Amino acid sequence: MIKITKQDEAKNTNKEIRKRRNMLFKNIPITNANRLINHGPTVLITSRLGEKINVMTVAWQMPVSFKPMLVAVAIGHERFSHKLILESREFAINIPNLEMLKDVLCCGTQSGKDIDKFKVCNLTPVKAQKIKAPLIEECIGNIECKLYSTHEAGDHTVFVGEVVATSVKEGIFDNYLRVDLEQAKTLHHIGGKVFCSPGGIIKS
């Protein structure tokens, strides 16, 4: 179990960690997109409307279809990203690793309505392949989506996206995400400022 302290929030990431974060992305088949999020990691959702870009932390996400390849994220009605996704009809799911703990917290505790969260949270937007919304250079993988459908669920909207491109950092995907590797360990939200991370892989 990982609990974020005030020291964690204030701590700057060192240059060596930044270097590891910025490895090159490689494309993987769209049919393998679900294998980046099957294990339920906390993700960073990016969106764009005109010149405004935003990033938010989301714990509620899942694959929902193979044909077509569909993934779903639940976003609260009051969130700024809700408006951007609804109007732009696209978004990206970016997968952070354990080293991005403070970035995930930063993106989840501030609104992008009046600030640039990429700058505030020290993240780097990079051009996507198939959508206008940016990807996040520091993340270990991403799933680009065009909006397929929306479903109201209480105080949230479930956005279902059709996957149009998927990529992952070199060396951490071997037909599945290698969460046994330090650089591929993902974050999983338990509640509040408490997260956990995978301990290894079990093959049956």
C-alpha atoms as a PDB file:
ATOM      1  CA  MET A   1       0.000   0.000   0.000  1.00  0.00           C
ATOM      2  CA  ILE A   2       1.253   3.476  -0.876  1.00  0.00           C
ATOM      3  CA  LYS A   3       0.161   6.558   1.047  1.00  0.00           C
ATOM      4  CA  ILE A   4       1.091   9.978  -0.290  1.00  0.00           C
ATOM      5  CA  THR A   5       2.644  12.308   2.270  1.00  0.00           C
ATOM      6  CA  LYS A   6       3.180  16.062   2.083  1.00  0.00           C
ATOM      7  CA  GLN A   7       6.855  15.315   1.475  1.00  0.00           C
ATOM      8  CA  ASP A   8       5.905  13.219  -1.567  1.00  0.00           C
ATOM      9  CA  GLU A   9       3.776  16.051  -2.929  1.00  0.00           C
ATOM     10  CA  ALA A  10       6.590  18.571  -2.578  1.00  0.00           C
ATOM     11  CA  LYS A  11       9.410  16.343  -3.822  1.00  0.00           C
ATOM     12  CA  ASN A  12      10.787  17.109  -7.290  1.00  0.00           C
ATOM     13  CA  THR A  13      11.406  14.165  -9.602  1.00  0.00           C
ATOM     14  CA  ASN A  14      15.110  13.722 -10.294  1.00  0.00           C
ATOM     15  CA  LYS A  15      16.660  13.852 -13.762  1.00  0.00           C
ATOM     16  CA  GLU A  16      17.318  10.117 -13.959  1.00  0.00           C
ATOM     17  CA  ILE A  17      13.646   9.317 -13.390  1.00  0.00           C
ATOM     18  CA  ARG A  18      12.634  11.895 -16.006  1.00  0.00           C
ATOM     19  CA  LYS A  19      15.029  10.260 -18.445  1.00  0.00           C
ATOM     20  CA  ARG A  20      13.418   6.851 -17.884  1.00  0.00           C
ATOM     21  CA  ARG A  21       9.959   8.378 -18.322  1.00  0.00           C
ATOM     22  CA  ASN A  22      10.783   9.813 -21.724  1.00  0.00           C
ATOM     23  CA  MET A  23      11.546   6.572 -23.551  1.00  0.00           C
ATOM     24  CA  LEU A  24      10.131   6.258 -27.059  1.00  0.00           C
ATOM     25  CA  PHE A  25       6.599   5.005 -27.722  1.00  0.00           C
ATOM     26  CA  LYS A  26       5.992   2.128 -30.129  1.00  0.00           C
ATOM     27  CA  ASN A  27       2.672   1.217 -31.729  1.00  0.00           C
ATOM     28  CA  ILE A  28       0.918  -1.981 -30.713  1.00  0.00           C
ATOM     29  CA  PRO A  29      -2.176  -3.513 -32.357  1.00  0.00           C
ATOM     30  CA  ILE A  30      -5.481  -1.867 -31.447  1.00  0.00           C
ATOM     31  CA  THR A  31      -6.696  -5.356 -30.553  1.00  0.00           C
ATOM     32  CA  ASN A  32      -4.236  -5.292 -27.633  1.00  0.00           C
ATOM     33  CA  ALA A  33      -5.445  -1.961 -26.232  1.00  0.00           C
ATOM     34  CA  ASN A  34      -7.413  -3.701 -23.484  1.00  0.00           C
ATOM     35  CA  ARG A  35      -4.208  -5.317 -22.207  1.00  0.00           C
ATOM     36  CA  LEU A  36      -2.936  -1.933 -21.081  1.00  0.00           C
ATOM     37  CA  ILE A  37      -5.868  -1.446 -18.686  1.00  0.00           C
ATOM     38  CA  ASN A  38      -7.281  -4.931 -17.963  1.00  0.00           C
ATOM     39  CA  HIS A  39      -5.776  -4.783 -14.468  1.00  0.00           C
ATOM     40  CA  GLY A  40      -7.629  -1.573 -13.576  1.00  0.00           C
ATOM     41  CA  PRO A  41      -4.927   1.092 -13.232  1.00  0.00           C
ATOM     42  CA  THR A  42      -5.534   4.723 -12.395  1.00  0.00           C
ATOM     43  CA  VAL A  43      -5.154   6.679 -15.638  1.00  0.00           C
ATOM     44  CA  LEU A  44      -4.767  10.232 -16.895  1.00  0.00           C
ATOM     45  CA  ILE A  45      -7.417  11.347 -19.386  1.00  0.00           C
ATOM     46  CA  THR A  46      -6.412  14.023 -21.894  1.00  0.00           C
ATOM     47  CA  SER A  47      -8.800  16.081 -23.997  1.00  0.00           C
ATOM     48  CA  ARG A  48      -8.792  19.125 -26.239  1.00  0.00           C
ATOM     49  CA  LEU A  49     -11.331  21.652 -27.441  1.00  0.00           C
ATOM     50  CA  GLY A  50      -9.924  24.307 -29.751  1.00  0.00           C
ATOM     51  CA  GLU A  51      -6.719  25.584 -28.151  1.00  0.00           C
ATOM     52  CA  LYS A  52      -7.657  24.403 -24.650  1.00  0.00           C
ATOM     53  CA  ILE A  53      -6.083  21.143 -23.498  1.00  0.00           C
ATOM     54  CA  ASN A  54      -6.676  19.385 -20.207  1.00  0.00           C
ATOM     55  CA  VAL A  55      -5.648  16.345 -18.203  1.00  0.00           C
ATOM     56  CA  MET A  56      -7.494  14.691 -15.323  1.00  0.00           C
ATOM     57  CA  THR A  57      -6.999  11.661 -13.111  1.00  0.00           C
ATOM     58  CA  VAL A  58      -9.544   8.844 -13.471  1.00  0.00           C
ATOM     59  CA  ALA A  59      -9.776   5.638 -11.435  1.00  0.00           C
ATOM     60  CA  TRP A  60     -12.980   4.305 -13.016  1.00  0.00           C
ATOM     61  CA  GLN A  61     -12.168   2.865 -16.449  1.00  0.00           C
ATOM     62  CA  MET A  62     -12.414  -0.475 -18.248  1.00  0.00           C
ATOM     63  CA  PRO A  63     -12.437  -2.269 -21.637  1.00  0.00           C
ATOM     64  CA  VAL A  64     -15.991  -3.042 -22.802  1.00  0.00           C
ATOM     65  CA  SER A  65     -15.775  -4.601 -26.307  1.00  0.00           C
ATOM     66  CA  PHE A  66     -13.397  -6.422 -28.660  1.00  0.00           C
ATOM     67  CA  LYS A  67     -15.260  -5.778 -31.954  1.00  0.00           C
ATOM     68  CA  PRO A  68     -15.051  -2.873 -32.206  1.00  0.00           C
ATOM     69  CA  MET A  69     -12.393  -2.308 -29.564  1.00  0.00           C
ATOM     70  CA  LEU A  70     -14.143  -0.092 -27.013  1.00  0.00           C
ATOM     71  CA  VAL A  71     -13.048   1.282 -23.652  1.00  0.00           C
ATOM     72  CA  ALA A  72     -15.053   3.261 -21.102  1.00  0.00           C
ATOM     73  CA  VAL A  73     -14.282   5.962 -18.534  1.00  0.00           C
ATOM     74  CA  ALA A  74     -16.635   7.467 -15.940  1.00  0.00           C
ATOM     75  CA  ILE A  75     -16.318  11.233 -15.464  1.00  0.00           C
ATOM     76  CA  GLY A  76     -18.300  13.475 -13.123  1.00  0.00           C
ATOM     77  CA  HIS A  77     -20.677  16.006 -14.675  1.00  0.00           C
ATOM     78  CA  GLU A  78     -18.951  18.933 -12.982  1.00  0.00           C
ATOM     79  CA  ARG A  79     -15.474  18.090 -14.279  1.00  0.00           C
ATOM     80  CA  PHE A  80     -13.969  20.392 -16.912  1.00  0.00           C
ATOM     81  CA  SER A  81     -12.906  17.359 -18.961  1.00  0.00           C
ATOM     82  CA  HIS A  82     -16.562  16.308 -19.174  1.00  0.00           C
ATOM     83  CA  LYS A  83     -17.342  19.379 -21.279  1.00  0.00           C
ATOM     84  CA  LEU A  84     -14.223  19.011 -23.447  1.00  0.00           C
ATOM     85  CA  ILE A  85     -14.876  15.359 -24.259  1.00  0.00           C
ATOM     86  CA  LEU A  86     -18.580  15.860 -24.866  1.00  0.00           C
ATOM     87  CA  GLU A  87     -17.951  18.687 -27.342  1.00  0.00           C
ATOM     88  CA  SER A  88     -14.766  17.434 -29.029  1.00  0.00           C
ATOM     89  CA  ARG A  89     -15.970  13.804 -29.129  1.00  0.00           C
ATOM     90  CA  GLU A  90     -12.533  12.329 -28.474  1.00  0.00           C
ATOM     91  CA  PHE A  91     -10.090  11.655 -25.634  1.00  0.00           C
ATOM     92  CA  ALA A  92      -6.963   9.702 -24.767  1.00  0.00           C
ATOM     93  CA  ILE A  93      -6.286   7.319 -21.906  1.00  0.00           C
ATOM     94  CA  ASN A  94      -2.706   7.710 -20.681  1.00  0.00           C
ATOM     95  CA  ILE A  95      -1.216   5.135 -18.311  1.00  0.00           C
ATOM     96  CA  PRO A  96       1.110   6.542 -15.621  1.00  0.00           C
ATOM     97  CA  ASN A  97       3.543   4.414 -13.664  1.00  0.00           C
ATOM     98  CA  LEU A  98       4.509   4.351 -10.006  1.00  0.00           C
ATOM     99  CA  GLU A  99       7.097   7.106 -10.489  1.00  0.00           C
ATOM    100  CA  MET A 100       4.280   9.490 -11.501  1.00  0.00           C
ATOM    101  CA  LEU A 101       2.490   9.316  -8.166  1.00  0.00           C
ATOM    102  CA  LYS A 102       2.765  13.045  -7.407  1.00  0.00           C
ATOM    103  CA  ASP A 103       1.703  13.921 -10.978  1.00  0.00           C
ATOM    104  CA  VAL A 104      -1.401  11.752 -10.678  1.00  0.00           C
ATOM    105  CA  LEU A 105      -2.317  13.448  -7.405  1.00  0.00           C
ATOM    106  CA  CYS A 106      -1.700  16.895  -8.907  1.00  0.00           C
ATOM    107  CA  CYS A 107      -3.982  16.194 -11.876  1.00  0.00           C
ATOM    108  CA  GLY A 108      -6.689  14.786  -9.610  1.00  0.00           C
ATOM    109  CA  THR A 109      -6.869  17.628  -7.119  1.00  0.00           C
ATOM    110  CA  GLN A 110      -7.057  20.706  -9.366  1.00  0.00           C
ATOM    111  CA  SER A 111      -9.424  21.922 -12.077  1.00  0.00           C
ATOM    112  CA  GLY A 112      -8.090  22.720 -15.526  1.00  0.00           C
ATOM    113  CA  LYS A 113     -10.807  25.276 -16.157  1.00  0.00           C
ATOM    114  CA  ASP A 114      -8.635  28.245 -15.185  1.00  0.00           C
ATOM    115  CA  ILE A 115      -5.119  26.777 -15.196  1.00  0.00           C
ATOM    116  CA  ASP A 116      -2.888  24.773 -17.524  1.00  0.00           C
ATOM    117  CA  LYS A 117      -2.543  21.516 -15.624  1.00  0.00           C
ATOM    118  CA  PHE A 118       0.232  20.316 -17.935  1.00  0.00           C
ATOM    119  CA  LYS A 119       2.394  23.200 -16.718  1.00  0.00           C
ATOM    120  CA  VAL A 120       1.235  23.102 -13.111  1.00  0.00           C
ATOM    121  CA  CYS A 121       1.766  19.330 -12.840  1.00  0.00           C
ATOM    122  CA  ASN A 122       4.996  19.380 -14.865  1.00  0.00           C
ATOM    123  CA  LEU A 123       3.747  17.111 -17.674  1.00  0.00           C
ATOM    124  CA  THR A 124       4.672  17.220 -21.364  1.00  0.00           C
ATOM    125  CA  PRO A 125       1.909  17.160 -24.019  1.00  0.00           C
ATOM    126  CA  VAL A 126       2.865  15.382 -27.243  1.00  0.00           C
ATOM    127  CA  LYS A 127       1.018  15.041 -30.533  1.00  0.00           C
ATOM    128  CA  ALA A 128      -1.270  12.024 -30.896  1.00  0.00           C
ATOM    129  CA  GLN A 129      -1.524   9.957 -34.074  1.00  0.00           C
ATOM    130  CA  LYS A 130      -5.274   9.964 -34.740  1.00  0.00           C
ATOM    131  CA  ILE A 131      -6.876  12.558 -32.463  1.00  0.00           C
ATOM    132  CA  LYS A 132      -6.358  16.228 -31.611  1.00  0.00           C
ATOM    133  CA  ALA A 133      -6.160  15.646 -27.854  1.00  0.00           C
ATOM    134  CA  PRO A 134      -2.529  15.387 -26.695  1.00  0.00           C
ATOM    135  CA  LEU A 135      -0.780  12.402 -25.189  1.00  0.00           C
ATOM    136  CA  ILE A 136       1.509  12.594 -22.148  1.00  0.00           C
ATOM    137  CA  GLU A 137       5.193  11.991 -22.816  1.00  0.00           C
ATOM    138  CA  GLU A 138       5.936  10.845 -19.272  1.00  0.00           C
ATOM    139  CA  CYS A 139       3.291   8.077 -19.292  1.00  0.00           C
ATOM    140  CA  ILE A 140       4.182   4.496 -20.226  1.00  0.00           C
ATOM    141  CA  GLY A 141       1.320   3.905 -22.665  1.00  0.00           C
ATOM    142  CA  ASN A 142      -1.737   5.479 -24.203  1.00  0.00           C
ATOM    143  CA  ILE A 143      -5.008   4.663 -25.926  1.00  0.00           C
ATOM    144  CA  GLU A 144      -6.436   7.183 -28.414  1.00  0.00           C
ATOM    145  CA  CYS A 145     -10.238   7.182 -28.636  1.00  0.00           C
ATOM    146  CA  LYS A 146     -13.050   8.643 -30.701  1.00  0.00           C
ATOM    147  CA  LEU A 147     -16.281   9.011 -28.745  1.00  0.00           C
ATOM    148  CA  TYR A 148     -18.556   6.041 -29.514  1.00  0.00           C
ATOM    149  CA  SER A 149     -21.416   6.628 -27.088  1.00  0.00           C
ATOM    150  CA  THR A 150     -22.335   8.227 -23.757  1.00  0.00           C
ATOM    151  CA  HIS A 151     -24.390   6.811 -20.902  1.00  0.00           C
ATOM    152  CA  GLU A 152     -25.701   8.735 -17.899  1.00  0.00           C
ATOM    153  CA  ALA A 153     -24.999   7.085 -14.553  1.00  0.00           C
ATOM    154  CA  GLY A 154     -26.098   9.215 -11.610  1.00  0.00           C
ATOM    155  CA  ASP A 155     -23.654  12.082 -11.145  1.00  0.00           C
ATOM    156  CA  HIS A 156     -21.269  10.677 -13.783  1.00  0.00           C
ATOM    157  CA  THR A 157     -21.292  10.134 -17.527  1.00  0.00           C
ATOM    158  CA  VAL A 158     -19.780   6.937 -18.875  1.00  0.00           C
ATOM    159  CA  PHE A 159     -17.882   7.874 -22.035  1.00  0.00           C
ATOM    160  CA  VAL A 160     -17.352   4.895 -24.334  1.00  0.00           C
ATOM    161  CA  GLY A 161     -14.492   5.408 -26.775  1.00  0.00           C
ATOM    162  CA  GLU A 162     -13.593   3.481 -29.897  1.00  0.00           C
ATOM    163  CA  VAL A 163      -9.859   2.854 -29.952  1.00  0.00           C
ATOM    164  CA  VAL A 164      -8.159   4.339 -33.019  1.00  0.00           C
ATOM    165  CA  ALA A 165      -4.488   4.019 -31.973  1.00  0.00           C
ATOM    166  CA  THR A 166      -2.463   2.494 -29.153  1.00  0.00           C
ATOM    167  CA  SER A 167       1.184   2.826 -28.206  1.00  0.00           C
ATOM    168  CA  VAL A 168       3.439   1.867 -25.321  1.00  0.00           C
ATOM    169  CA  LYS A 169       6.979   2.630 -24.188  1.00  0.00           C
ATOM    170  CA  GLU A 170       9.742   0.365 -25.523  1.00  0.00           C
ATOM    171  CA  GLY A 171      10.646  -2.711 -23.518  1.00  0.00           C
ATOM    172  CA  ILE A 172       7.629  -3.004 -21.211  1.00  0.00           C
ATOM    173  CA  PHE A 173       4.995  -4.751 -23.368  1.00  0.00           C
ATOM    174  CA  ASP A 174       5.338  -8.434 -24.297  1.00  0.00           C
ATOM    175  CA  ASN A 175       1.788  -9.160 -25.467  1.00  0.00           C
ATOM    176  CA  TYR A 176       0.815  -7.895 -22.008  1.00  0.00           C
ATOM    177  CA  LEU A 177       1.990  -5.024 -19.826  1.00  0.00           C
ATOM    178  CA  ARG A 178       5.104  -6.141 -17.924  1.00  0.00           C
ATOM    179  CA  VAL A 179       4.034  -4.887 -14.501  1.00  0.00           C
ATOM    180  CA  ASP A 180       6.798  -7.039 -13.012  1.00  0.00           C
ATOM    181  CA  LEU A 181       9.275  -4.451 -14.332  1.00  0.00           C
ATOM    182  CA  GLU A 182       9.913  -1.425 -12.138  1.00  0.00           C
ATOM    183  CA  GLN A 183       9.247   1.080 -14.928  1.00  0.00           C
ATOM    184  CA  ALA A 184       5.909  -0.588 -15.786  1.00  0.00           C
ATOM    185  CA  LYS A 185       4.407  -0.756 -12.292  1.00  0.00           C
ATOM    186  CA  THR A 186       1.062   1.022 -12.423  1.00  0.00           C
ATOM    187  CA  LEU A 187      -0.951   2.917  -9.811  1.00  0.00           C
ATOM    188  CA  HIS A 188      -4.280   1.703  -8.407  1.00  0.00           C
ATOM    189  CA  HIS A 189      -6.464   4.027  -6.376  1.00  0.00           C
ATOM    190  CA  ILE A 190      -7.837   2.640  -3.106  1.00  0.00           C
ATOM    191  CA  GLY A 191      -9.337   5.837  -1.702  1.00  0.00           C
ATOM    192  CA  GLY A 192      -8.361   9.359  -0.694  1.00  0.00           C
ATOM    193  CA  LYS A 193      -4.601   9.732  -1.171  1.00  0.00           C
ATOM    194  CA  VAL A 194      -3.927   6.004  -0.873  1.00  0.00           C
ATOM    195  CA  PHE A 195      -2.803   3.869  -3.825  1.00  0.00           C
ATOM    196  CA  CYS A 196      -1.355   0.407  -4.367  1.00  0.00           C
ATOM    197  CA  SER A 197       0.800  -1.091  -7.119  1.00  0.00           C
ATOM    198  CA  PRO A 198       1.167  -4.616  -8.633  1.00  0.00           C
ATOM    199  CA  GLY A 199       3.598  -6.923  -6.879  1.00  0.00           C
ATOM    200  CA  GLY A 200       4.301  -9.183  -9.863  1.00  0.00           C
ATOM    201  CA  ILE A 201       2.878 -11.459 -12.562  1.00  0.00           C
ATOM    202  CA  ILE A 202       1.275 -14.872 -12.047  1.00  0.00           C
ATOM    203  CA  LYS A 203       1.102 -17.144 -15.101  1.00  0.00           C
ATOM    204  CA  SER A 204      -1.430 -19.981 -15.151  1.00  0.00           C
END
